[in-house]
């Protein structure tokens, strides 16, 4: 077997900490890279706010997974957004900040699900709380599950 990062040959998957990545390369990765490397292929496709996924059946429920991030507005962003309010309409500085924050929380949730061995997350929700003036927490959570295409036999 060959490592996908350093391309060294290994006699078996026993030397790999993530699919296609040897232990040395895995240990040298950032936490974000580690989470992404362990995310099953298609994980983004296998998330839903519903509690079922059409064409699949849940074979195991692994539990609640979450991603939490806390963000504050910078003084420069606040001034820029205040200037945008003069023209009215979408305040793009805040919209972009909110979108990046939600994406970060979702990626953390997916990393948590992958670490548990899930290949899907159902019942996905977002929640936001103002921790203090100008500082908000964004939480993305759901239920980590293992799904199989309907008609596939369940191992074991």
Protein backbone atom coordinates (compact mmCIF):
# COMPACT_ATOMS: atom_id res chain seq x y z
CA UNK A 1 0.00 0.00 0.00
CA UNK A 2 1.23 3.48 -0.85
CA UNK A 3 0.72 6.60 1.29
CA UNK A 4 -1.19 9.27 -0.62
CA UNK A 5 0.96 12.07 0.85
CA UNK A 6 4.58 10.83 1.00
CA UNK A 7 4.15 7.98 -1.53
CA UNK A 8 6.13 5.50 0.58
CA UNK A 9 5.19 1.83 0.32
CA UNK A 10 3.78 0.02 3.36
CA UNK A 11 3.03 -3.71 3.67
CA UNK A 12 -0.54 -3.23 4.93
CA UNK A 13 -3.24 -0.74 6.01
CA UNK A 14 -2.05 -1.34 9.59
CA UNK A 15 0.43 1.52 9.06
CA UNK A 16 -2.30 4.00 8.10
CA UNK A 17 -4.15 6.28 10.54
CA UNK A 18 -6.59 7.59 7.91
CA UNK A 19 -7.62 6.16 4.54
CA UNK A 20 -4.54 6.29 2.33
CA UNK A 21 -2.38 8.28 4.80
CA UNK A 22 0.47 6.79 6.82
CA UNK A 23 0.93 7.48 10.53
CA UNK A 24 3.87 9.85 10.04
CA UNK A 25 2.04 12.02 7.52
CA UNK A 26 -1.14 11.95 9.62
CA UNK A 27 0.74 13.09 12.74
CA UNK A 28 2.26 16.01 10.78
CA UNK A 29 -1.18 17.27 9.66
CA UNK A 30 -3.12 20.12 11.28
CA UNK A 31 -6.28 19.17 13.22
CA UNK A 32 -8.42 20.45 10.34
CA UNK A 33 -6.52 18.37 7.80
CA UNK A 34 -6.87 15.32 10.04
CA UNK A 35 -10.64 15.77 10.30
CA UNK A 36 -10.97 16.24 6.54
CA UNK A 37 -8.83 13.16 5.83
CA UNK A 38 -11.07 11.02 8.03
CA UNK A 39 -14.32 12.31 6.54
CA UNK A 40 -15.88 9.56 4.45
CA UNK A 41 -16.16 10.36 0.75
CA UNK A 42 -19.43 12.09 0.03
CA UNK A 43 -20.00 13.21 3.64
CA UNK A 44 -21.35 16.62 2.55
CA UNK A 45 -23.82 14.88 0.27
CA UNK A 46 -24.98 12.67 3.13
CA UNK A 47 -26.25 15.39 5.45
CA UNK A 48 -29.86 16.41 5.82
CA UNK A 49 -32.19 18.32 8.05
CA UNK A 50 -34.61 15.39 7.67
CA UNK A 51 -34.38 12.23 9.76
CA UNK A 52 -34.16 9.90 6.75
CA UNK A 53 -32.18 9.89 3.51
CA UNK A 54 -34.10 8.77 0.43
CA UNK A 55 -32.76 5.50 -0.94
CA UNK A 56 -30.85 4.64 2.25
CA UNK A 57 -31.64 2.94 5.51
CA UNK A 58 -30.06 3.69 8.86
CA UNK A 59 -28.20 0.64 10.14
CA UNK A 60 -26.64 2.24 13.21
CA UNK A 61 -27.14 5.43 15.19
CA UNK A 62 -23.87 6.67 16.69
CA UNK A 63 -25.09 9.72 18.62
CA UNK A 64 -25.16 13.49 18.64
CA UNK A 65 -22.34 15.34 16.87
CA UNK A 66 -21.65 19.06 16.97
CA UNK A 67 -19.39 21.81 15.82
CA UNK A 68 -19.11 25.04 17.78
CA UNK A 69 -17.38 28.26 16.81
CA UNK A 70 -17.35 31.64 18.53
CA UNK A 71 -16.76 34.78 16.49
CA UNK A 72 -16.58 38.50 17.14
CA UNK A 73 -16.92 41.44 14.80
CA UNK A 74 -13.78 43.44 14.22
CA UNK A 75 -13.91 47.22 14.61
CA UNK A 76 -13.03 47.57 10.91
CA UNK A 77 -15.79 45.18 9.86
CA UNK A 78 -18.28 47.00 12.05
CA UNK A 79 -17.33 50.38 10.51
CA UNK A 80 -17.48 48.92 6.99
CA UNK A 81 -20.88 47.38 7.68
CA UNK A 82 -22.12 50.68 9.12
CA UNK A 83 -21.11 52.40 5.88
CA UNK A 84 -22.96 49.73 3.88
CA UNK A 85 -26.15 50.45 5.84
CA UNK A 86 -26.20 53.94 4.35
CA UNK A 87 -26.97 52.47 0.92
CA UNK A 88 -29.31 49.84 2.39
CA UNK A 89 -29.78 46.28 1.20
CA UNK A 90 -27.62 43.28 1.97
CA UNK A 91 -24.78 44.00 4.41
CA UNK A 92 -22.25 41.78 2.64
CA UNK A 93 -19.53 42.09 5.30
CA UNK A 94 -21.83 40.53 7.89
CA UNK A 95 -23.36 38.06 5.43
CA UNK A 96 -19.90 36.77 4.51
CA UNK A 97 -18.88 36.54 8.18
CA UNK A 98 -22.05 34.60 9.02
CA UNK A 99 -21.60 32.22 6.09
CA UNK A 100 -17.94 31.50 6.97
CA UNK A 101 -18.90 30.94 10.61
CA UNK A 102 -21.70 28.50 9.74
CA UNK A 103 -19.44 26.63 7.30
CA UNK A 104 -16.74 26.32 9.98
CA UNK A 105 -19.24 24.96 12.52
CA UNK A 106 -20.60 22.48 9.93
CA UNK A 107 -17.08 21.30 9.03
CA UNK A 108 -16.35 20.74 12.74
CA UNK A 109 -19.57 18.73 13.06
CA UNK A 110 -18.66 16.61 10.03
CA UNK A 111 -15.19 16.01 11.47
CA UNK A 112 -16.78 14.87 14.73
CA UNK A 113 -19.08 12.52 12.78
CA UNK A 114 -16.18 11.12 10.75
CA UNK A 115 -14.17 10.50 13.93
CA UNK A 116 -17.11 8.44 15.23
CA UNK A 117 -17.18 6.40 12.00
CA UNK A 118 -20.39 7.88 10.55
CA UNK A 119 -21.05 8.12 6.84
CA UNK A 120 -24.05 10.47 7.23
CA UNK A 121 -25.54 13.06 9.59
CA UNK A 122 -29.30 13.46 9.92
CA UNK A 123 -31.43 16.08 11.68
CA UNK A 124 -28.84 18.81 11.06
CA UNK A 125 -29.62 22.11 12.77
CA UNK A 126 -27.93 25.44 13.48
CA UNK A 127 -28.25 27.57 16.58
CA UNK A 128 -26.68 30.90 17.44
CA UNK A 129 -26.32 32.70 20.75
CA UNK A 130 -24.88 36.11 21.52
CA UNK A 131 -22.30 35.38 24.25
CA UNK A 132 -21.60 39.07 24.85
CA UNK A 133 -22.04 42.26 22.86
CA UNK A 134 -20.49 41.63 19.43
CA UNK A 135 -19.51 38.01 20.21
CA UNK A 136 -21.64 35.15 18.92
CA UNK A 137 -21.52 31.38 19.24
CA UNK A 138 -22.70 29.30 16.29
CA UNK A 139 -23.53 25.66 16.87
CA UNK A 140 -24.16 23.08 14.15
CA UNK A 141 -25.46 19.73 15.39
CA UNK A 142 -27.12 16.56 14.22
CA UNK A 143 -27.21 12.79 14.68
CA UNK A 144 -24.31 10.73 13.31
CA UNK A 145 -25.47 7.54 11.61
CA UNK A 146 -24.24 4.75 9.40
CA UNK A 147 -26.45 4.29 6.36
CA UNK A 148 -26.56 1.71 3.58
CA UNK A 149 -28.37 1.80 0.27
CA UNK A 150 -31.77 0.17 0.60
CA UNK A 151 -31.55 -3.47 -0.37
CA UNK A 152 -27.92 -3.85 0.79
CA UNK A 153 -27.40 -6.53 3.41
CA UNK A 154 -26.29 -5.43 6.89
CA UNK A 155 -22.95 -7.07 7.88
CA UNK A 156 -22.99 -9.08 11.08
